[in-house]
Amino acid sequence: MRLLRNILNTIFIIGAATGMVLFYMGHKDTGTYIIIAAMAFKFIEVVVRLLKLEDRN
């Protein structure tokens, strides 16, 4: 599950950075939607972490 968490975190970071760039370049609506979508991936990662679905190595 650690690999899953790393993938979800990577998607979140790339999405948040992309959304911020678009937001500050003037595409506020598109940037906001991308940031919200990236946050969904972060919420999924947090749920996985809180439910301790990861292996205990």
N, C-alpha and C. Protein backbone atom coordinates (compact mmCIF):
# COMPACT_ATOMS: atom_id res chain seq x y z
N MET A 1 0.81 -1.21 0.00
CA MET A 1 0.00 0.00 0.00
C MET A 1 0.85 1.27 0.00
N ARG A 2 2.10 1.11 0.38
CA ARG A 2 2.97 2.29 0.38
C ARG A 2 3.12 2.83 -1.04
N LEU A 3 3.20 1.93 -2.01
CA LEU A 3 3.29 2.35 -3.40
C LEU A 3 2.05 3.13 -3.82
N LEU A 4 0.89 2.65 -3.40
CA LEU A 4 -0.37 3.36 -3.69
C LEU A 4 -0.35 4.76 -3.09
N ARG A 5 0.09 4.87 -1.84
CA ARG A 5 0.15 6.18 -1.19
C ARG A 5 1.12 7.11 -1.91
N ASN A 6 2.26 6.58 -2.35
CA ASN A 6 3.23 7.40 -3.07
C ASN A 6 2.66 7.87 -4.40
N ILE A 7 1.95 7.00 -5.10
CA ILE A 7 1.34 7.38 -6.37
C ILE A 7 0.29 8.46 -6.15
N LEU A 8 -0.56 8.29 -5.13
CA LEU A 8 -1.59 9.28 -4.84
C LEU A 8 -0.98 10.62 -4.45
N ASN A 9 0.10 10.59 -3.67
CA ASN A 9 0.77 11.84 -3.28
C ASN A 9 1.41 12.52 -4.49
N THR A 10 1.97 11.74 -5.39
CA THR A 10 2.58 12.31 -6.59
C THR A 10 1.52 12.99 -7.46
N ILE A 11 0.38 12.32 -7.63
CA ILE A 11 -0.71 12.91 -8.40
C ILE A 11 -1.18 14.21 -7.74
N PHE A 12 -1.28 14.20 -6.41
CA PHE A 12 -1.70 15.40 -5.69
C PHE A 12 -0.72 16.55 -5.91
N ILE A 13 0.56 16.29 -5.78
CA ILE A 13 1.56 17.35 -5.90
C ILE A 13 1.56 17.93 -7.32
N ILE A 14 1.54 17.06 -8.31
CA ILE A 14 1.54 17.54 -9.70
C ILE A 14 0.26 18.32 -9.99
N GLY A 15 -0.88 17.80 -9.52
CA GLY A 15 -2.15 18.49 -9.75
C GLY A 15 -2.22 19.83 -9.05
N ALA A 16 -1.76 19.88 -7.81
CA ALA A 16 -1.81 21.14 -7.07
C ALA A 16 -0.90 22.19 -7.71
N ALA A 17 0.30 21.76 -8.12
CA ALA A 17 1.22 22.71 -8.76
C ALA A 17 0.65 23.20 -10.08
N THR A 18 0.10 22.30 -10.87
CA THR A 18 -0.50 22.69 -12.15
C THR A 18 -1.67 23.64 -11.93
N GLY A 19 -2.51 23.31 -10.96
CA GLY A 19 -3.65 24.18 -10.66
C GLY A 19 -3.23 25.56 -10.20
N MET A 20 -2.19 25.63 -9.39
CA MET A 20 -1.72 26.94 -8.92
C MET A 20 -1.17 27.78 -10.08
N VAL A 21 -0.41 27.12 -10.96
CA VAL A 21 0.14 27.85 -12.10
C VAL A 21 -0.99 28.41 -12.95
N LEU A 22 -1.98 27.57 -13.25
CA LEU A 22 -3.11 28.04 -14.06
C LEU A 22 -3.89 29.13 -13.34
N PHE A 23 -4.10 28.95 -12.05
CA PHE A 23 -4.85 29.93 -11.27
C PHE A 23 -4.19 31.30 -11.34
N TYR A 24 -2.86 31.34 -11.14
CA TYR A 24 -2.17 32.62 -11.11
C TYR A 24 -1.87 33.19 -12.50
N MET A 25 -2.03 32.36 -13.54
CA MET A 25 -1.84 32.87 -14.90
C MET A 25 -3.13 33.43 -15.47
N GLY A 26 -4.19 33.41 -14.70
CA GLY A 26 -5.42 34.04 -15.14
C GLY A 26 -6.57 33.09 -15.43
N HIS A 27 -6.32 31.80 -15.43
CA HIS A 27 -7.39 30.83 -15.67
C HIS A 27 -7.92 30.34 -14.32
N LYS A 28 -8.58 31.24 -13.61
CA LYS A 28 -8.97 30.96 -12.23
C LYS A 28 -9.93 29.79 -12.09
N ASP A 29 -10.92 29.69 -12.96
CA ASP A 29 -11.88 28.59 -12.85
C ASP A 29 -11.22 27.24 -13.10
N THR A 30 -10.44 27.15 -14.17
CA THR A 30 -9.77 25.90 -14.50
C THR A 30 -8.78 25.51 -13.41
N GLY A 31 -8.02 26.47 -12.93
CA GLY A 31 -7.06 26.20 -11.86
C GLY A 31 -7.74 25.72 -10.60
N THR A 32 -8.87 26.31 -10.27
CA THR A 32 -9.62 25.89 -9.09
C THR A 32 -10.11 24.46 -9.23
N TYR A 33 -10.64 24.11 -10.40
CA TYR A 33 -11.13 22.75 -10.60
C TYR A 33 -10.01 21.72 -10.52
N ILE A 34 -8.86 22.06 -11.05
CA ILE A 34 -7.73 21.13 -10.99
C ILE A 34 -7.25 20.97 -9.55
N ILE A 35 -7.21 22.04 -8.79
CA ILE A 35 -6.80 21.95 -7.38
C ILE A 35 -7.80 21.11 -6.59
N ILE A 36 -9.08 21.28 -6.84
CA ILE A 36 -10.09 20.48 -6.14
C ILE A 36 -9.94 19.00 -6.49
N ALA A 37 -9.69 18.70 -7.76
CA ALA A 37 -9.48 17.31 -8.16
C ALA A 37 -8.23 16.74 -7.49
N ALA A 38 -7.17 17.53 -7.40
CA ALA A 38 -5.95 17.07 -6.74
C ALA A 38 -6.20 16.81 -5.26
N MET A 39 -7.01 17.65 -4.64
CA MET A 39 -7.34 17.46 -3.23
C MET A 39 -8.10 16.16 -3.01
N ALA A 40 -8.90 15.74 -3.97
CA ALA A 40 -9.62 14.47 -3.86
C ALA A 40 -8.63 13.32 -3.74
N PHE A 41 -7.53 13.37 -4.52
CA PHE A 41 -6.51 12.33 -4.42
C PHE A 41 -5.84 12.36 -3.05
N LYS A 42 -5.63 13.55 -2.50
CA LYS A 42 -5.02 13.65 -1.17
C LYS A 42 -5.96 13.09 -0.10
N PHE A 43 -7.25 13.36 -0.22
CA PHE A 43 -8.21 12.82 0.74
C PHE A 43 -8.21 11.30 0.71
N ILE A 44 -8.12 10.72 -0.48
CA ILE A 44 -8.07 9.26 -0.60
C ILE A 44 -6.82 8.72 0.08
N GLU A 45 -5.69 9.40 -0.11
CA GLU A 45 -4.44 8.97 0.53
C GLU A 45 -4.55 9.04 2.04
N VAL A 46 -5.17 10.09 2.55
CA VAL A 46 -5.33 10.24 4.00
C VAL A 46 -6.23 9.13 4.55
N VAL A 47 -7.29 8.81 3.85
CA VAL A 47 -8.17 7.73 4.30
C VAL A 47 -7.41 6.41 4.35
N VAL A 48 -6.60 6.14 3.33
CA VAL A 48 -5.79 4.92 3.32
C VAL A 48 -4.86 4.90 4.52
N ARG A 49 -4.23 6.04 4.80
CA ARG A 49 -3.31 6.12 5.93
C ARG A 49 -4.03 5.97 7.27
N LEU A 50 -5.18 6.62 7.43
CA LEU A 50 -5.90 6.57 8.69
C LEU A 50 -6.49 5.19 8.97
N LEU A 51 -6.92 4.51 7.92
CA LEU A 51 -7.48 3.18 8.11
C LEU A 51 -6.40 2.12 8.20
N LYS A 52 -5.15 2.57 8.11
CA LYS A 52 -4.00 1.68 8.22
C LYS A 52 -4.09 0.51 7.26
N LEU A 53 -4.42 0.83 6.01
CA LEU A 53 -4.50 -0.19 4.99
C LEU A 53 -3.13 -0.53 4.41
N GLU A 54 -2.10 0.15 4.89
CA GLU A 54 -0.77 -0.12 4.40
C GLU A 54 -0.18 -1.32 5.12
N ASP A 55 0.84 -1.96 4.52
CA ASP A 55 1.48 -3.07 5.20
C ASP A 55 2.36 -2.56 6.32
N ARG A 56 2.62 -3.39 7.25
CA ARG A 56 3.35 -2.99 8.46
C ARG A 56 4.78 -3.50 8.44
N ASN A 57 5.52 -3.21 7.38
CA ASN A 57 6.91 -3.67 7.27
C ASN A 57 7.82 -2.80 8.05
